[in-house]
């Protein structure tokens, strides 16, 4: 009996120990309940409606007019804010009743006239409305489609009562418009900087290049190549075609732009970074686009083919990496036309230069820049033949 009692006692001790151990342990991956659970973290939230909006330049009809500033924060895409006298000191400001931690904002473009879009701005913040700190800056932004919304994220560890968007440049003209400006509250854990945007200034002789990179990961060799084409070719091309060409050029590496490259506003060139990821040696895209800056043609009717033909002619005759990029002028085929533009027209122009019409491209370029060019008048006056007759000659003997 004693042995039984001893075994039973041991059993009871072991059982009670097991029960105690079970009550003190937790299953794998089971969260431990804290003694004082923390308050819930703030989630991403559009809190624009909590703020009071003011602007330092108002619509002439007032804040509540059809295109007054109240339209900026009504959360509607069919209304917009419009001012007729934009100035580089223009700003839009939101004041909250208490400090808020903003980590993102969105801008929605107007429904018409893209030259009214904001292009360069800074977002600043203040705790008292007097001392301001910069939180985010964007330069040479584009809104490719109307009423398009673009979002800008940034790192902001503090809460502020005032947020101010200082718009220092628009795409052109004197009118400014914007459909919406929204502010988004963001906890530290969700903050990031996107899009990445860096601005560098490169001076080469009398020319200045502003290099805006919005990718954050542009290949260093490609970047060096783009800058080299500017340094080597820009002034050389200007000396030949337009010594009065602009001395300030802007390159924008823009992930949102799809289409290789395009020149806008006379001096801003946008590049598609995906093109250079897939074609890292095709650097004379820069030569072509810089020629558009140098051209600076006024609107000329029925002459788009001339503009692009000259730009590719210059790329062919002055390019630095055409061979490495496997870029060349196409052989003539009967299906082509001088109005095809780009390389087809460039080859035609090069043939003219080599077949008795030396200097014709420079004459053509000057005629375009003066605004005097017409297809009917220019070619007979400078070659004695119509352009159709010249194209027939080229078709019959296209060898360069």
Protein backbone atom coordinates (compact mmCIF):
# COMPACT_ATOMS: atom_id res chain seq x y z
CA UNK A 1 0.00 0.00 0.00
CA UNK A 2 2.85 2.41 0.79
CA UNK A 3 4.34 1.84 -2.62
CA UNK A 4 0.93 2.58 -4.17
CA UNK A 5 0.49 5.77 -2.15
CA UNK A 6 3.98 6.93 -3.10
CA UNK A 7 3.32 6.30 -6.80
CA UNK A 8 -0.02 8.06 -6.56
CA UNK A 9 1.60 11.07 -4.91
CA UNK A 10 4.23 11.23 -7.57
CA UNK A 11 1.52 10.96 -10.20
CA UNK A 12 -0.45 13.83 -8.67
CA UNK A 13 2.67 16.02 -8.56
CA UNK A 14 3.49 15.26 -12.18
CA UNK A 15 -0.10 15.90 -13.22
CA UNK A 16 -0.30 19.23 -11.45
CA UNK A 17 3.07 20.24 -12.92
CA UNK A 18 1.86 19.36 -16.41
CA UNK A 19 -1.32 21.37 -15.90
CA UNK A 20 0.67 24.35 -14.67
CA UNK A 21 3.11 24.08 -17.57
CA UNK A 22 0.26 23.87 -20.03
CA UNK A 23 -1.42 26.96 -18.60
CA UNK A 24 1.83 28.97 -18.81
CA UNK A 25 2.83 27.97 -22.33
CA UNK A 26 1.42 29.21 -25.68
CA UNK A 27 1.04 27.49 -28.96
CA UNK A 28 3.56 28.14 -31.69
CA UNK A 29 2.92 31.43 -33.53
CA UNK A 30 0.19 32.37 -31.05
CA UNK A 31 0.58 36.06 -30.16
CA UNK A 32 1.22 36.84 -26.57
CA UNK A 33 -1.38 39.13 -25.03
CA UNK A 34 0.37 42.20 -23.60
CA UNK A 35 -0.53 43.53 -20.23
CA UNK A 36 -1.25 46.98 -21.67
CA UNK A 37 -2.05 46.59 -25.38
CA UNK A 38 -0.93 49.62 -27.44
CA UNK A 39 -3.42 51.83 -29.21
CA UNK A 40 -4.05 51.00 -32.87
CA UNK A 41 -1.53 52.45 -35.33
CA UNK A 42 -2.81 55.11 -37.74
CA UNK A 43 -3.52 53.63 -41.16
CA UNK A 44 -3.18 55.35 -44.52
CA UNK A 45 -6.10 57.74 -44.75
CA UNK A 46 -7.15 60.65 -46.94
CA UNK A 47 -7.88 63.41 -44.41
CA UNK A 48 -8.23 66.32 -46.82
CA UNK A 49 -11.76 67.00 -45.61
CA UNK A 50 -10.46 67.77 -42.11
CA UNK A 51 -8.37 70.73 -43.31
CA UNK A 52 -9.18 74.31 -44.25
CA UNK A 53 -7.87 75.28 -47.69
CA UNK A 54 -6.50 78.72 -48.57
CA UNK A 55 -4.66 80.02 -51.64
CA UNK A 56 -2.70 83.21 -52.11
CA UNK A 57 -4.06 83.77 -55.64
CA UNK A 58 -7.77 83.13 -56.01
CA UNK A 59 -10.06 82.70 -59.00
CA UNK A 60 -11.51 86.06 -60.02
CA UNK A 61 -14.96 84.82 -59.10
CA UNK A 62 -13.95 83.93 -55.57
CA UNK A 63 -13.44 80.73 -53.60
CA UNK A 64 -16.93 79.34 -54.18
CA UNK A 65 -17.14 80.27 -57.86
CA UNK A 66 -17.48 77.52 -60.46
CA UNK A 67 -13.68 77.41 -60.84
CA UNK A 68 -12.82 78.74 -57.38
CA UNK A 69 -10.37 77.10 -54.99
CA UNK A 70 -13.10 75.11 -53.19
CA UNK A 71 -13.12 72.84 -56.26
CA UNK A 72 -9.60 71.69 -55.30
CA UNK A 73 -10.90 69.67 -52.37
CA UNK A 74 -14.42 68.64 -53.37
CA UNK A 75 -13.26 65.15 -54.42
CA UNK A 76 -14.83 65.54 -57.86
CA UNK A 77 -13.13 65.05 -61.22
CA UNK A 78 -15.60 67.20 -63.16
CA UNK A 79 -14.67 70.42 -61.33
CA UNK A 80 -11.40 72.33 -61.23
CA UNK A 81 -9.63 75.34 -59.76
CA UNK A 82 -8.45 77.98 -62.26
CA UNK A 83 -6.50 81.21 -61.91
CA UNK A 84 -5.72 83.65 -64.71
CA UNK A 85 -2.57 85.27 -63.34
CA UNK A 86 -0.15 82.57 -62.21
CA UNK A 87 2.97 83.80 -60.40
CA UNK A 88 6.00 81.85 -59.17
CA UNK A 89 5.02 82.83 -55.62
CA UNK A 90 1.71 80.96 -55.87
CA UNK A 91 0.83 78.47 -53.13
CA UNK A 92 -2.05 76.36 -51.84
CA UNK A 93 -2.24 75.71 -48.11
CA UNK A 94 -4.12 73.31 -45.85
CA UNK A 95 -4.50 73.92 -42.12
CA UNK A 96 -5.64 71.16 -39.78
CA UNK A 97 -7.26 71.70 -36.37
CA UNK A 98 -4.45 69.60 -34.84
CA UNK A 99 -1.10 68.40 -36.16
CA UNK A 100 -1.25 65.51 -38.65
CA UNK A 101 1.45 63.22 -40.01
CA UNK A 102 1.15 63.46 -43.77
CA UNK A 103 3.26 61.09 -45.84
CA UNK A 104 1.66 61.33 -49.27
CA UNK A 105 -0.39 63.60 -51.51
CA UNK A 106 -2.05 63.42 -54.89
CA UNK A 107 -2.57 65.95 -57.65
CA UNK A 108 -5.17 65.60 -60.39
CA UNK A 109 -4.64 67.50 -63.64
CA UNK A 110 -7.28 69.72 -65.19
CA UNK A 111 -9.59 68.60 -67.95
CA UNK A 112 -8.09 70.72 -70.74
CA UNK A 113 -5.07 72.77 -71.89
CA UNK A 114 -2.08 70.86 -70.51
CA UNK A 115 0.07 74.01 -70.56
CA UNK A 116 -1.84 75.04 -67.40
CA UNK A 117 -0.58 72.02 -65.44
CA UNK A 118 1.81 72.46 -62.52
CA UNK A 119 5.34 71.47 -63.50
CA UNK A 120 7.68 72.27 -60.60
CA UNK A 121 6.78 72.58 -56.93
CA UNK A 122 7.74 71.93 -53.31
CA UNK A 123 5.61 70.67 -50.44
CA UNK A 124 6.46 72.41 -47.16
CA UNK A 125 5.07 72.05 -43.64
CA UNK A 126 4.89 74.08 -40.46
CA UNK A 127 3.80 73.65 -36.87
CA UNK A 128 2.98 77.34 -36.41
CA UNK A 129 2.42 78.77 -39.91
CA UNK A 130 5.64 80.80 -39.70
CA UNK A 131 8.62 78.46 -39.93
CA UNK A 132 8.49 76.03 -42.85
CA UNK A 133 10.40 72.86 -43.71
CA UNK A 134 10.55 71.18 -47.10
CA UNK A 135 9.13 67.65 -47.25
CA UNK A 136 9.02 66.91 -50.97
CA UNK A 137 10.10 68.52 -54.24
CA UNK A 138 9.22 67.71 -57.82
CA UNK A 139 10.70 69.21 -60.99
CA UNK A 140 9.48 69.07 -64.59
CA UNK A 141 6.50 66.86 -63.87
CA UNK A 142 4.08 65.92 -66.65
CA UNK A 143 0.46 64.81 -66.71
CA UNK A 144 0.14 62.94 -70.04
CA UNK A 145 -3.65 62.61 -69.85
CA UNK A 146 -6.39 64.93 -68.68
CA UNK A 147 -7.81 64.49 -65.16
CA UNK A 148 -4.94 62.10 -64.48
CA UNK A 149 -4.10 61.63 -60.80
CA UNK A 150 -0.46 61.27 -59.77
CA UNK A 151 0.66 60.33 -56.27
CA UNK A 152 3.78 61.48 -54.44
CA UNK A 153 5.07 59.66 -51.33
CA UNK A 154 7.74 60.95 -48.97
CA UNK A 155 9.30 60.38 -45.54
CA UNK A 156 7.88 62.58 -42.79
CA UNK A 157 8.50 61.54 -39.15
CA UNK A 158 6.67 64.54 -37.68
CA UNK A 159 3.13 65.82 -37.45
CA UNK A 160 2.41 69.35 -38.70
CA UNK A 161 -0.61 71.57 -38.56
CA UNK A 162 0.08 73.40 -41.86
CA UNK A 163 0.95 71.96 -45.27
CA UNK A 164 1.70 74.20 -48.24
CA UNK A 165 2.22 73.34 -51.92
CA UNK A 166 4.41 76.02 -53.51
CA UNK A 167 3.99 75.87 -57.30
CA UNK A 168 6.92 77.67 -58.90
CA UNK A 169 6.41 76.73 -62.54
CA UNK A 170 3.69 75.59 -64.93
CA UNK A 171 4.07 74.09 -68.38
CA UNK A 172 3.40 77.36 -70.17
CA UNK A 173 1.33 80.51 -70.41
CA UNK A 174 -0.14 82.40 -67.46
CA UNK A 175 -3.15 80.27 -66.52
CA UNK A 176 -2.97 77.63 -63.79
CA UNK A 177 -5.48 74.85 -63.25
CA UNK A 178 -5.80 71.79 -61.05
CA UNK A 179 -8.71 69.45 -60.42
CA UNK A 180 -7.78 68.03 -56.98
CA UNK A 181 -5.15 68.25 -54.24
CA UNK A 182 -5.47 65.52 -51.58
CA UNK A 183 -3.41 64.92 -48.44
CA UNK A 184 -2.92 61.42 -47.04
CA UNK A 185 -2.08 60.63 -43.42
CA UNK A 186 0.62 57.99 -43.18
CA UNK A 187 2.24 56.13 -40.26
CA UNK A 188 6.03 55.76 -40.13
CA UNK A 189 5.87 52.07 -41.01
CA UNK A 190 4.25 52.75 -44.37
CA UNK A 191 6.22 55.77 -45.50
CA UNK A 192 8.52 55.72 -48.50
CA UNK A 193 9.91 58.12 -51.09
CA UNK A 194 8.34 57.62 -54.49
CA UNK A 195 8.82 58.60 -57.19
CA UNK A 196 12.53 59.10 -56.70
CA UNK A 197 13.59 62.43 -58.20
CA UNK A 198 17.05 63.93 -58.38
CA UNK A 199 18.16 67.11 -60.13
CA UNK A 200 21.72 67.82 -61.28
CA UNK A 201 23.15 70.81 -63.12
CA UNK A 202 25.92 70.29 -65.68
CA UNK A 203 27.69 73.25 -67.24
CA UNK A 204 29.52 72.74 -70.54
CA UNK A 205 30.99 75.91 -72.02
CA UNK A 206 28.20 78.46 -72.30
CA UNK A 207 25.50 75.78 -72.09
CA UNK A 208 23.74 74.39 -69.01
CA UNK A 209 22.04 71.03 -68.79
CA UNK A 210 19.53 70.30 -66.03
CA UNK A 211 19.42 66.53 -65.61
CA UNK A 212 16.28 65.30 -63.85
CA UNK A 213 16.26 61.60 -63.02
CA UNK A 214 12.96 60.18 -61.79
CA UNK A 215 13.95 56.50 -61.95
CA UNK A 216 16.29 56.09 -59.00
CA UNK A 217 18.14 53.31 -60.85
CA UNK A 218 19.35 54.69 -64.18
CA UNK A 219 22.35 52.70 -65.37
CA UNK A 220 25.52 54.70 -64.64
CA UNK A 221 27.04 53.93 -68.05
CA UNK A 222 23.89 55.03 -69.86
CA UNK A 223 23.74 58.22 -67.82
CA UNK A 224 27.38 59.01 -68.59
CA UNK A 225 26.69 58.37 -72.27
CA UNK A 226 23.68 60.70 -72.34
CA UNK A 227 25.68 63.46 -70.70
CA UNK A 228 28.59 62.91 -73.08
CA UNK A 229 26.38 63.35 -76.16
CA UNK A 230 25.21 66.67 -74.75
CA UNK A 231 28.74 67.82 -73.95
CA UNK A 232 30.19 66.83 -77.32
CA UNK A 233 27.33 67.57 -79.69
CA UNK A 234 25.05 70.32 -78.49
CA UNK A 235 27.25 73.33 -79.18
CA UNK A 236 28.71 71.71 -82.30
CA UNK A 237 25.21 71.31 -83.74
CA UNK A 238 24.21 74.83 -82.69
CA UNK A 239 27.30 76.27 -84.41
CA UNK A 240 26.24 74.66 -87.70
CA UNK A 241 22.51 75.25 -87.64
CA UNK A 242 21.55 77.90 -85.11
CA UNK A 243 24.22 79.85 -83.19
CA UNK A 244 21.40 81.59 -81.31
CA UNK A 245 20.05 78.30 -79.95
CA UNK A 246 18.97 78.15 -76.32
CA UNK A 247 21.82 77.73 -73.88
CA UNK A 248 19.71 75.91 -71.27
CA UNK A 249 18.45 72.37 -71.90
CA UNK A 250 16.55 70.02 -69.61
CA UNK A 251 16.71 66.21 -69.75
CA UNK A 252 13.96 64.39 -67.81
CA UNK A 253 14.28 60.63 -67.35
CA UNK A 254 10.61 59.87 -66.81
CA UNK A 255 9.25 56.36 -66.07
CA UNK A 256 5.74 57.57 -66.79
CA UNK A 257 6.64 58.52 -70.34
CA UNK A 258 6.45 55.77 -72.96
CA UNK A 259 7.75 56.52 -76.44
CA UNK A 260 11.59 56.67 -76.54
CA UNK A 261 11.92 60.48 -76.34
CA UNK A 262 10.11 63.72 -77.05
CA UNK A 263 10.91 67.43 -76.90
CA UNK A 264 8.42 69.80 -75.34
CA UNK A 265 8.34 73.53 -74.73
CA UNK A 266 11.43 74.20 -76.79
CA UNK A 267 14.02 72.98 -74.29
CA UNK A 268 12.64 70.07 -72.22
CA UNK A 269 13.43 66.57 -73.48
CA UNK A 270 11.70 63.59 -71.91
CA UNK A 271 13.25 60.13 -72.16
CA UNK A 272 11.73 56.71 -71.56
CA UNK A 273 14.14 54.84 -69.22
CA UNK A 274 12.83 51.48 -70.44
CA UNK A 275 14.14 52.28 -73.90
CA UNK A 276 17.67 52.68 -72.58
CA UNK A 277 17.40 49.56 -70.43
CA UNK A 278 16.67 47.61 -73.59
CA UNK A 279 18.87 49.70 -75.93
CA UNK A 280 21.74 51.02 -73.79
CA UNK A 281 23.88 52.00 -76.78
CA UNK A 282 21.22 54.02 -78.59
CA UNK A 283 22.55 57.27 -77.15
CA UNK A 284 22.09 59.36 -80.29
CA UNK A 285 18.43 59.55 -79.46
CA UNK A 286 19.86 62.55 -77.61
CA UNK A 287 21.36 63.99 -80.80
CA UNK A 288 17.99 63.77 -82.56
CA UNK A 289 16.09 65.41 -79.70
CA UNK A 290 18.69 68.13 -79.12
CA UNK A 291 18.29 69.05 -82.77
CA UNK A 292 14.64 69.81 -82.03
CA UNK A 293 15.78 72.24 -79.33
CA UNK A 294 18.17 73.86 -81.81
CA UNK A 295 15.53 73.95 -84.54
CA UNK A 296 13.08 76.05 -82.49
CA UNK A 297 10.74 76.21 -85.47
CA UNK A 298 7.48 78.13 -85.27
CA UNK A 299 4.37 76.23 -86.40
CA UNK A 300 4.78 75.51 -90.12
CA UNK A 301 1.91 73.97 -92.05
CA UNK A 302 2.44 70.61 -93.73
CA UNK A 303 6.09 70.39 -92.65
CA UNK A 304 6.30 67.84 -89.85
CA UNK A 305 8.13 65.50 -92.20
CA UNK A 306 10.77 68.19 -92.77
CA UNK A 307 11.29 68.71 -89.03
CA UNK A 308 11.81 65.02 -88.27
CA UNK A 309 13.77 64.39 -91.46
CA UNK A 310 16.29 67.09 -90.57
CA UNK A 311 16.62 65.78 -87.00
CA UNK A 312 17.47 62.29 -88.24
CA UNK A 313 19.75 63.72 -90.93
CA UNK A 314 21.71 65.46 -88.18
CA UNK A 315 21.74 62.27 -86.14
CA UNK A 316 23.17 60.42 -89.14
CA UNK A 317 25.84 63.01 -89.93
CA UNK A 318 26.82 64.02 -86.39
CA UNK A 319 25.84 61.07 -84.19
CA UNK A 320 28.41 59.48 -81.87
CA UNK A 321 27.16 55.92 -81.34
CA UNK A 322 24.98 55.08 -84.35
CA UNK A 323 27.15 52.14 -85.40
CA UNK A 324 27.21 50.60 -81.92
CA UNK A 325 23.43 50.96 -81.72
CA UNK A 326 22.95 49.40 -85.17
CA UNK A 327 21.16 52.55 -86.26
CA UNK A 328 21.39 53.47 -89.94
CA UNK A 329 19.43 54.96 -92.81
CA UNK A 330 17.19 52.48 -94.64
CA UNK A 331 17.70 51.53 -98.26
CA UNK A 332 15.23 53.02 -100.73
CA UNK A 333 12.09 51.05 -101.56
CA UNK A 334 9.28 51.95 -103.94
CA UNK A 335 6.76 52.04 -101.09
CA UNK A 336 8.51 54.98 -99.43
CA UNK A 337 7.66 58.67 -99.66
CA UNK A 338 9.63 61.77 -98.73
CA UNK A 339 6.73 62.51 -96.35
CA UNK A 340 7.52 59.40 -94.30
CA UNK A 341 9.77 61.60 -92.14
CA UNK A 342 12.54 60.39 -89.82
CA UNK A 343 15.12 58.08 -91.42
CA UNK A 344 13.39 57.76 -94.80
CA UNK A 345 13.34 61.52 -95.29
CA UNK A 346 16.81 61.87 -93.76
CA UNK A 347 18.24 59.55 -96.42
CA UNK A 348 16.54 61.61 -99.12
CA UNK A 349 18.10 64.79 -97.71
CA UNK A 350 21.51 63.13 -97.51
CA UNK A 351 21.17 62.00 -101.14
CA UNK A 352 20.37 65.59 -102.18
CA UNK A 353 23.50 66.82 -100.39
CA UNK A 354 25.58 64.27 -102.32
CA UNK A 355 23.96 64.82 -105.72
CA UNK A 356 24.43 68.46 -106.58
CA UNK A 357 22.48 70.20 -103.80
CA UNK A 358 25.13 70.70 -101.16
CA UNK A 359 23.97 72.94 -98.33
CA UNK A 360 20.29 72.29 -98.99
CA UNK A 361 19.64 71.07 -95.43
CA UNK A 362 21.04 74.24 -93.87
CA UNK A 363 18.90 76.33 -96.24
CA UNK A 364 15.88 74.19 -95.41
CA UNK A 365 16.52 74.55 -91.69
CA UNK A 366 16.77 78.35 -91.92
CA UNK A 367 13.62 78.56 -94.00
CA UNK A 368 11.73 76.52 -91.42
CA UNK A 369 13.00 78.61 -88.52
CA UNK A 370 12.00 81.85 -90.23
CA UNK A 371 8.50 80.47 -90.77
CA UNK A 372 8.75 81.22 -94.50
CA UNK A 373 8.90 77.59 -95.66
CA UNK A 374 6.26 76.22 -98.01
CA UNK A 375 6.71 73.00 -99.93
CA UNK A 376 5.50 74.63 -103.15
CA UNK A 377 7.93 77.55 -103.02
CA UNK A 378 11.08 76.37 -101.25
CA UNK A 379 12.21 73.53 -103.48
CA UNK A 380 11.93 75.24 -106.91
CA UNK A 381 13.58 78.38 -105.51
CA UNK A 382 16.56 76.46 -104.12
CA UNK A 383 16.93 73.51 -106.50
CA UNK A 384 15.05 74.46 -109.68
CA UNK A 385 12.74 71.45 -109.21
CA UNK A 386 9.70 70.54 -107.21
CA UNK A 387 10.19 68.13 -104.32
CA UNK A 388 8.24 65.50 -106.26
CA UNK A 389 10.63 65.84 -109.19
CA UNK A 390 13.59 65.52 -106.82
CA UNK A 391 12.04 62.42 -105.27
CA UNK A 392 11.63 60.90 -108.75
CA UNK A 393 15.32 61.53 -109.45
CA UNK A 394 16.17 59.90 -106.12
CA UNK A 395 13.92 56.92 -106.90
CA UNK A 396 15.65 56.33 -110.21
CA UNK A 397 19.14 56.39 -108.70
CA UNK A 398 19.07 56.13 -104.92
CA UNK A 399 22.67 55.08 -104.36
CA UNK A 400 24.45 57.32 -101.86
